[in-house]
């Protein structure tokens, strides 16, 4: 897959575009998870994880739903 996107998507095979979209969604999800884990671990090193309690609850509510919606769309 081209790194900078497909130059002429209108001429591209629709199946290729679909598969590319799936890969991009999976990569985006994995990057978001990795970033959250890194930030959490960094805060934990300094003993500041208690400060993210308000956002942790929010993230724990929407993240599983986001994953579910992405998987449903991919199928």
PDB file of N, CA and C in Angstrom:
ATOM      1  N   UNK A   1       0.831  -1.183   0.000  1.00  0.00           N
ATOM      2  CA  UNK A   1       0.000   0.000   0.000  1.00  0.00           C
ATOM      3  C   UNK A   1       0.875   1.245   0.000  1.00  0.00           C
ATOM      4  N   UNK A   2       0.499   2.235  -0.767  1.00  0.00           N
ATOM      5  CA  UNK A   2       1.275   3.465  -0.816  1.00  0.00           C
ATOM      6  C   UNK A   2       1.233   4.197   0.530  1.00  0.00           C
ATOM      7  N   UNK A   3       2.368   4.715   0.932  1.00  0.00           N
ATOM      8  CA  UNK A   3       2.456   5.407   2.220  1.00  0.00           C
ATOM      9  C   UNK A   3       1.656   6.704   2.217  1.00  0.00           C
ATOM     10  N   UNK A   4       1.660   7.414   1.111  1.00  0.00           N
ATOM     11  CA  UNK A   4       0.984   8.710   1.043  1.00  0.00           C
ATOM     12  C   UNK A   4      -0.399   8.631   0.412  1.00  0.00           C
ATOM     13  N   UNK A   5      -0.976   7.474   0.396  1.00  0.00           N
ATOM     14  CA  UNK A   5      -2.314   7.333  -0.145  1.00  0.00           C
ATOM     15  C   UNK A   5      -2.305   6.905  -1.598  1.00  0.00           C
ATOM     16  N   UNK A   6      -3.480   6.739  -2.114  1.00  0.00           N
ATOM     17  CA  UNK A   6      -3.650   6.282  -3.487  1.00  0.00           C
ATOM     18  C   UNK A   6      -3.884   7.504  -4.361  1.00  0.00           C
ATOM     19  N   UNK A   7      -3.075   7.640  -5.401  1.00  0.00           N
ATOM     20  CA  UNK A   7      -3.098   8.839  -6.237  1.00  0.00           C
ATOM     21  C   UNK A   7      -4.441   9.026  -6.947  1.00  0.00           C
ATOM     22  N   UNK A   8      -4.991   7.966  -7.490  1.00  0.00           N
ATOM     23  CA  UNK A   8      -6.267   8.048  -8.215  1.00  0.00           C
ATOM     24  C   UNK A   8      -7.247   7.018  -7.637  1.00  0.00           C
ATOM     25  N   UNK A   9      -7.862   7.334  -6.498  1.00  0.00           N
ATOM     26  CA  UNK A   9      -8.748   6.345  -5.864  1.00  0.00           C
ATOM     27  C   UNK A   9      -9.956   5.960  -6.711  1.00  0.00           C
ATOM     28  N   UNK A  10     -10.395   6.846  -7.589  1.00  0.00           N
ATOM     29  CA  UNK A  10     -11.546   6.531  -8.444  1.00  0.00           C
ATOM     30  C   UNK A  10     -11.242   5.407  -9.427  1.00  0.00           C
ATOM     31  N   UNK A  11      -9.976   5.241  -9.747  1.00  0.00           N
ATOM     32  CA  UNK A  11      -9.571   4.206 -10.695  1.00  0.00           C
ATOM     33  C   UNK A  11      -9.116   2.931  -9.998  1.00  0.00           C
ATOM     34  N   UNK A  12      -9.039   2.960  -8.684  1.00  0.00           N
ATOM     35  CA  UNK A  12      -8.531   1.822  -7.919  1.00  0.00           C
ATOM     36  C   UNK A  12      -9.637   0.777  -7.720  1.00  0.00           C
ATOM     37  N   UNK A  13      -9.230  -0.467  -7.604  1.00  0.00           N
ATOM     38  CA  UNK A  13     -10.146  -1.558  -7.298  1.00  0.00           C
ATOM     39  C   UNK A  13     -10.792  -1.297  -5.934  1.00  0.00           C
ATOM     40  N   UNK A  14     -12.111  -1.390  -5.872  1.00  0.00           N
ATOM     41  CA  UNK A  14     -12.841  -1.094  -4.630  1.00  0.00           C
ATOM     42  C   UNK A  14     -12.429  -2.019  -3.484  1.00  0.00           C
ATOM     43  N   UNK A  15     -12.118  -3.261  -3.800  1.00  0.00           N
ATOM     44  CA  UNK A  15     -11.682  -4.206  -2.770  1.00  0.00           C
ATOM     45  C   UNK A  15     -10.347  -3.765  -2.164  1.00  0.00           C
ATOM     46  N   UNK A  16      -9.449  -3.265  -2.989  1.00  0.00           N
ATOM     47  CA  UNK A  16      -8.173  -2.771  -2.491  1.00  0.00           C
ATOM     48  C   UNK A  16      -8.366  -1.578  -1.560  1.00  0.00           C
ATOM     49  N   UNK A  17      -9.276  -0.679  -1.943  1.00  0.00           N
ATOM     50  CA  UNK A  17      -9.565   0.475  -1.091  1.00  0.00           C
ATOM     51  C   UNK A  17     -10.157   0.040   0.240  1.00  0.00           C
ATOM     52  N   UNK A  18     -11.052  -0.932   0.200  1.00  0.00           N
ATOM     53  CA  UNK A  18     -11.684  -1.445   1.416  1.00  0.00           C
ATOM     54  C   UNK A  18     -10.642  -2.070   2.339  1.00  0.00           C
ATOM     55  N   UNK A  19      -9.771  -2.898   1.784  1.00  0.00           N
ATOM     56  CA  UNK A  19      -8.743  -3.545   2.595  1.00  0.00           C
ATOM     57  C   UNK A  19      -7.780  -2.514   3.170  1.00  0.00           C
ATOM     58  N   UNK A  20      -7.466  -1.509   2.394  1.00  0.00           N
ATOM     59  CA  UNK A  20      -6.587  -0.446   2.887  1.00  0.00           C
ATOM     60  C   UNK A  20      -7.240   0.283   4.052  1.00  0.00           C
ATOM     61  N   UNK A  21      -8.531   0.554   3.947  1.00  0.00           N
ATOM     62  CA  UNK A  21      -9.259   1.230   5.023  1.00  0.00           C
ATOM     63  C   UNK A  21      -9.240   0.387   6.295  1.00  0.00           C
ATOM     64  N   UNK A  22      -9.415  -0.908   6.151  1.00  0.00           N
ATOM     65  CA  UNK A  22      -9.375  -1.791   7.325  1.00  0.00           C
ATOM     66  C   UNK A  22      -8.015  -1.735   8.005  1.00  0.00           C
ATOM     67  N   UNK A  23      -6.968  -1.785   7.218  1.00  0.00           N
ATOM     68  CA  UNK A  23      -5.614  -1.726   7.777  1.00  0.00           C
ATOM     69  C   UNK A  23      -5.394  -0.403   8.494  1.00  0.00           C
ATOM     70  N   UNK A  24      -5.833   0.685   7.885  1.00  0.00           N
ATOM     71  CA  UNK A  24      -5.676   2.000   8.508  1.00  0.00           C
ATOM     72  C   UNK A  24      -6.436   2.090   9.823  1.00  0.00           C
ATOM     73  N   UNK A  25      -7.643   1.543   9.880  1.00  0.00           N
ATOM     74  CA  UNK A  25      -8.422   1.572  11.115  1.00  0.00           C
ATOM     75  C   UNK A  25      -7.756   0.749  12.206  1.00  0.00           C
ATOM     76  N   UNK A  26      -7.256  -0.413  11.835  1.00  0.00           N
ATOM     77  CA  UNK A  26      -6.590  -1.262  12.819  1.00  0.00           C
ATOM     78  C   UNK A  26      -5.321  -0.600  13.343  1.00  0.00           C
ATOM     79  N   UNK A  27      -4.551   0.000  12.451  1.00  0.00           N
ATOM     80  CA  UNK A  27      -3.322   0.681  12.861  1.00  0.00           C
ATOM     81  C   UNK A  27      -3.641   1.878  13.756  1.00  0.00           C
ATOM     82  N   UNK A  28      -4.673   2.631  13.413  1.00  0.00           N
ATOM     83  CA  UNK A  28      -5.069   3.792  14.222  1.00  0.00           C
ATOM     84  C   UNK A  28      -5.482   3.365  15.610  1.00  0.00           C
ATOM     85  N   UNK A  29      -6.255   2.295  15.693  1.00  0.00           N
ATOM     86  CA  UNK A  29      -6.692   1.795  16.990  1.00  0.00           C
ATOM     87  C   UNK A  29      -5.494   1.356  17.819  1.00  0.00           C
ATOM     88  N   UNK A  30      -4.579   0.629  17.204  1.00  0.00           N
ATOM     89  CA  UNK A  30      -3.413   0.135  17.938  1.00  0.00           C
ATOM     90  C   UNK A  30      -2.521   1.287  18.404  1.00  0.00           C
ATOM     91  N   UNK A  31      -2.382   2.310  17.580  1.00  0.00           N
ATOM     92  CA  UNK A  31      -1.583   3.467  17.975  1.00  0.00           C
ATOM     93  C   UNK A  31      -2.225   4.196  19.148  1.00  0.00           C
ATOM     94  N   UNK A  32      -3.551   4.313  19.130  1.00  0.00           N
ATOM     95  CA  UNK A  32      -4.252   4.970  20.234  1.00  0.00           C
ATOM     96  C   UNK A  32      -4.074   4.192  21.527  1.00  0.00           C
ATOM     97  N   UNK A  33      -4.183   2.878  21.452  1.00  0.00           N
ATOM     98  CA  UNK A  33      -4.002   2.034  22.637  1.00  0.00           C
ATOM     99  C   UNK A  33      -2.575   2.179  23.162  1.00  0.00           C
ATOM    100  N   UNK A  34      -1.598   2.103  22.267  1.00  0.00           N
ATOM    101  CA  UNK A  34      -0.203   2.212  22.684  1.00  0.00           C
ATOM    102  C   UNK A  34       0.092   3.567  23.319  1.00  0.00           C
ATOM    103  N   UNK A  35      -0.464   4.616  22.750  1.00  0.00           N
ATOM    104  CA  UNK A  35      -0.240   5.950  23.305  1.00  0.00           C
ATOM    105  C   UNK A  35      -0.864   6.071  24.693  1.00  0.00           C
ATOM    106  N   UNK A  36      -2.078   5.568  24.849  1.00  0.00           N
ATOM    107  CA  UNK A  36      -2.726   5.627  26.157  1.00  0.00           C
ATOM    108  C   UNK A  36      -1.909   4.853  27.196  1.00  0.00           C
ATOM    109  N   UNK A  37      -1.456   3.664  26.825  1.00  0.00           N
ATOM    110  CA  UNK A  37      -0.673   2.844  27.754  1.00  0.00           C
ATOM    111  C   UNK A  37       0.629   3.554  28.113  1.00  0.00           C
ATOM    112  N   UNK A  38       1.291   4.179  27.140  1.00  0.00           N
ATOM    113  CA  UNK A  38       2.540   4.883  27.414  1.00  0.00           C
ATOM    114  C   UNK A  38       2.310   6.051  28.366  1.00  0.00           C
ATOM    115  N   UNK A  39       1.282   6.844  28.096  1.00  0.00           N
ATOM    116  CA  UNK A  39       0.979   7.982  28.970  1.00  0.00           C
ATOM    117  C   UNK A  39       0.654   7.488  30.377  1.00  0.00           C
ATOM    118  N   UNK A  40      -0.132   6.441  30.461  1.00  0.00           N
ATOM    119  CA  UNK A  40      -0.492   5.886  31.766  1.00  0.00           C
ATOM    120  C   UNK A  40       0.753   5.395  32.509  1.00  0.00           C
ATOM    121  N   UNK A  41       1.624   4.671  31.800  1.00  0.00           N
ATOM    122  CA  UNK A  41       2.853   4.178  32.431  1.00  0.00           C
ATOM    123  C   UNK A  41       3.758   5.325  32.879  1.00  0.00           C
ATOM    124  N   UNK A  42       3.854   6.368  32.054  1.00  0.00           N
ATOM    125  CA  UNK A  42       4.661   7.530  32.438  1.00  0.00           C
ATOM    126  C   UNK A  42       4.111   8.196  33.686  1.00  0.00           C
ATOM    127  N   UNK A  43       2.808   8.360  33.740  1.00  0.00           N
ATOM    128  CA  UNK A  43       2.198   8.948  34.939  1.00  0.00           C
ATOM    129  C   UNK A  43       2.396   8.052  36.152  1.00  0.00           C
ATOM    130  N   UNK A  44       2.318   6.748  35.926  1.00  0.00           N
ATOM    131  CA  UNK A  44       2.486   5.793  37.027  1.00  0.00           C
ATOM    132  C   UNK A  44       3.898   5.861  37.609  1.00  0.00           C
ATOM    133  N   UNK A  45       4.891   6.094  36.762  1.00  0.00           N
ATOM    134  CA  UNK A  45       6.272   6.209  37.241  1.00  0.00           C
ATOM    135  C   UNK A  45       6.424   7.351  38.242  1.00  0.00           C
ATOM    136  N   UNK A  46       5.664   8.417  38.039  1.00  0.00           N
ATOM    137  CA  UNK A  46       5.735   9.580  38.916  1.00  0.00           C
ATOM    138  C   UNK A  46       4.657   9.571  40.004  1.00  0.00           C
ATOM    139  N   UNK A  47       3.906   8.492  40.058  1.00  0.00           N
ATOM    140  CA  UNK A  47       2.851   8.388  41.066  1.00  0.00           C
ATOM    141  C   UNK A  47       1.681   9.315  40.812  1.00  0.00           C
ATOM    142  N   UNK A  48       1.441   9.652  39.565  1.00  0.00           N
ATOM    143  CA  UNK A  48       0.382  10.599  39.224  1.00  0.00           C
ATOM    144  C   UNK A  48      -0.852   9.948  38.616  1.00  0.00           C
ATOM    145  N   UNK A  49      -0.927   8.640  38.655  1.00  0.00           N
ATOM    146  CA  UNK A  49      -2.083   7.981  38.034  1.00  0.00           C
ATOM    147  C   UNK A  49      -3.382   8.312  38.748  1.00  0.00           C
ATOM    148  N   UNK A  50      -3.297   8.714  40.001  1.00  0.00           N
ATOM    149  CA  UNK A  50      -4.536   9.092  40.702  1.00  0.00           C
ATOM    150  C   UNK A  50      -5.150  10.332  40.075  1.00  0.00           C
ATOM    151  N   UNK A  51      -4.349  11.127  39.369  1.00  0.00           N
ATOM    152  CA  UNK A  51      -4.853  12.352  38.750  1.00  0.00           C
ATOM    153  C   UNK A  51      -5.673  12.100  37.492  1.00  0.00           C
ATOM    154  N   UNK A  52      -5.630  10.899  36.949  1.00  0.00           N
ATOM    155  CA  UNK A  52      -6.395  10.652  35.724  1.00  0.00           C
ATOM    156  C   UNK A  52      -7.675   9.862  35.997  1.00  0.00           C
ATOM    157  N   UNK A  53      -8.054   9.785  37.224  1.00  0.00           N
ATOM    158  CA  UNK A  53      -9.269   9.054  37.567  1.00  0.00           C
ATOM    159  C   UNK A  53     -10.489   9.538  36.816  1.00  0.00           C
ATOM    160  N   UNK A  54     -10.624  10.862  36.684  1.00  0.00           N
ATOM    161  CA  UNK A  54     -11.788  11.413  35.986  1.00  0.00           C
ATOM    162  C   UNK A  54     -11.792  11.025  34.520  1.00  0.00           C
ATOM    163  N   UNK A  55     -10.628  11.033  33.884  1.00  0.00           N
ATOM    164  CA  UNK A  55     -10.580  10.692  32.462  1.00  0.00           C
ATOM    165  C   UNK A  55     -10.555   9.189  32.236  1.00  0.00           C
ATOM    166  N   UNK A  56     -10.008   8.457  33.196  1.00  0.00           N
ATOM    167  CA  UNK A  56      -9.942   6.998  33.048  1.00  0.00           C
ATOM    168  C   UNK A  56     -11.344   6.413  32.940  1.00  0.00           C
ATOM    169  N   UNK A  57     -12.251   6.876  33.782  1.00  0.00           N
ATOM    170  CA  UNK A  57     -13.627   6.391  33.735  1.00  0.00           C
ATOM    171  C   UNK A  57     -14.246   6.689  32.367  1.00  0.00           C
ATOM    172  N   UNK A  58     -14.008   7.888  31.865  1.00  0.00           N
ATOM    173  CA  UNK A  58     -14.545   8.290  30.564  1.00  0.00           C
ATOM    174  C   UNK A  58     -13.965   7.424  29.451  1.00  0.00           C
ATOM    175  N   UNK A  59     -12.659   7.232  29.467  1.00  0.00           N
ATOM    176  CA  UNK A  59     -12.003   6.429  28.438  1.00  0.00           C
ATOM    177  C   UNK A  59     -12.472   4.981  28.503  1.00  0.00           C
ATOM    178  N   UNK A  60     -12.605   4.456  29.701  1.00  0.00           N
ATOM    179  CA  UNK A  60     -13.035   3.067  29.855  1.00  0.00           C
ATOM    180  C   UNK A  60     -14.462   2.877  29.342  1.00  0.00           C
ATOM    181  N   UNK A  61     -15.258   3.946  29.324  1.00  0.00           N
ATOM    182  CA  UNK A  61     -16.623   3.845  28.814  1.00  0.00           C
ATOM    183  C   UNK A  61     -16.652   3.866  27.289  1.00  0.00           C
ATOM    184  N   UNK A  62     -15.900   4.758  26.653  1.00  0.00           N
ATOM    185  CA  UNK A  62     -16.019   4.903  25.206  1.00  0.00           C
ATOM    186  C   UNK A  62     -15.106   3.993  24.420  1.00  0.00           C
ATOM    187  N   UNK A  63     -13.973   3.602  24.966  1.00  0.00           N
ATOM    188  CA  UNK A  63     -13.016   2.834  24.182  1.00  0.00           C
ATOM    189  C   UNK A  63     -13.550   1.472  23.742  1.00  0.00           C
ATOM    190  N   UNK A  64     -14.154   0.672  24.628  1.00  0.00           N
ATOM    191  CA  UNK A  64     -14.708  -0.613  24.160  1.00  0.00           C
ATOM    192  C   UNK A  64     -15.788  -0.426  23.101  1.00  0.00           C
ATOM    193  N   UNK A  65     -16.589   0.615  23.248  1.00  0.00           N
ATOM    194  CA  UNK A  65     -17.624   0.890  22.246  1.00  0.00           C
ATOM    195  C   UNK A  65     -17.000   1.266  20.908  1.00  0.00           C
ATOM    196  N   UNK A  66     -15.931   2.035  20.948  1.00  0.00           N
ATOM    197  CA  UNK A  66     -15.241   2.394  19.721  1.00  0.00           C
ATOM    198  C   UNK A  66     -14.697   1.150  19.030  1.00  0.00           C
ATOM    199  N   UNK A  67     -14.069   0.273  19.780  1.00  0.00           N
ATOM    200  CA  UNK A  67     -13.528  -0.965  19.208  1.00  0.00           C
ATOM    201  C   UNK A  67     -14.641  -1.813  18.595  1.00  0.00           C
ATOM    202  N   UNK A  68     -15.766  -1.891  19.288  1.00  0.00           N
ATOM    203  CA  UNK A  68     -16.897  -2.673  18.798  1.00  0.00           C
ATOM    204  C   UNK A  68     -17.422  -2.116  17.483  1.00  0.00           C
ATOM    205  N   UNK A  69     -17.569  -0.813  17.399  1.00  0.00           N
ATOM    206  CA  UNK A  69     -18.093  -0.177  16.192  1.00  0.00           C
ATOM    207  C   UNK A  69     -17.127  -0.388  15.029  1.00  0.00           C
ATOM    208  N   UNK A  70     -15.835  -0.261  15.283  1.00  0.00           N
ATOM    209  CA  UNK A  70     -14.848  -0.472  14.217  1.00  0.00           C
ATOM    210  C   UNK A  70     -14.901  -1.904  13.716  1.00  0.00           C
ATOM    211  N   UNK A  71     -14.989  -2.868  14.630  1.00  0.00           N
ATOM    212  CA  UNK A  71     -15.045  -4.275  14.215  1.00  0.00           C
ATOM    213  C   UNK A  71     -16.315  -4.562  13.415  1.00  0.00           C
ATOM    214  N   UNK A  72     -17.447  -3.994  13.856  1.00  0.00           N
ATOM    215  CA  UNK A  72     -18.703  -4.196  13.121  1.00  0.00           C
ATOM    216  C   UNK A  72     -18.603  -3.614  11.719  1.00  0.00           C
ATOM    217  N   UNK A  73     -18.024  -2.424  11.619  1.00  0.00           N
ATOM    218  CA  UNK A  73     -17.893  -1.788  10.313  1.00  0.00           C
ATOM    219  C   UNK A  73     -16.967  -2.589   9.401  1.00  0.00           C
ATOM    220  N   UNK A  74     -15.918  -3.143   9.975  1.00  0.00           N
ATOM    221  CA  UNK A  74     -14.981  -3.921   9.181  1.00  0.00           C
ATOM    222  C   UNK A  74     -15.632  -5.200   8.646  1.00  0.00           C
ATOM    223  N   UNK A  75     -16.486  -5.801   9.434  1.00  0.00           N
ATOM    224  CA  UNK A  75     -17.148  -7.037   9.001  1.00  0.00           C
ATOM    225  C   UNK A  75     -18.203  -6.725   7.962  1.00  0.00           C
TER     226      UNK A  75
END
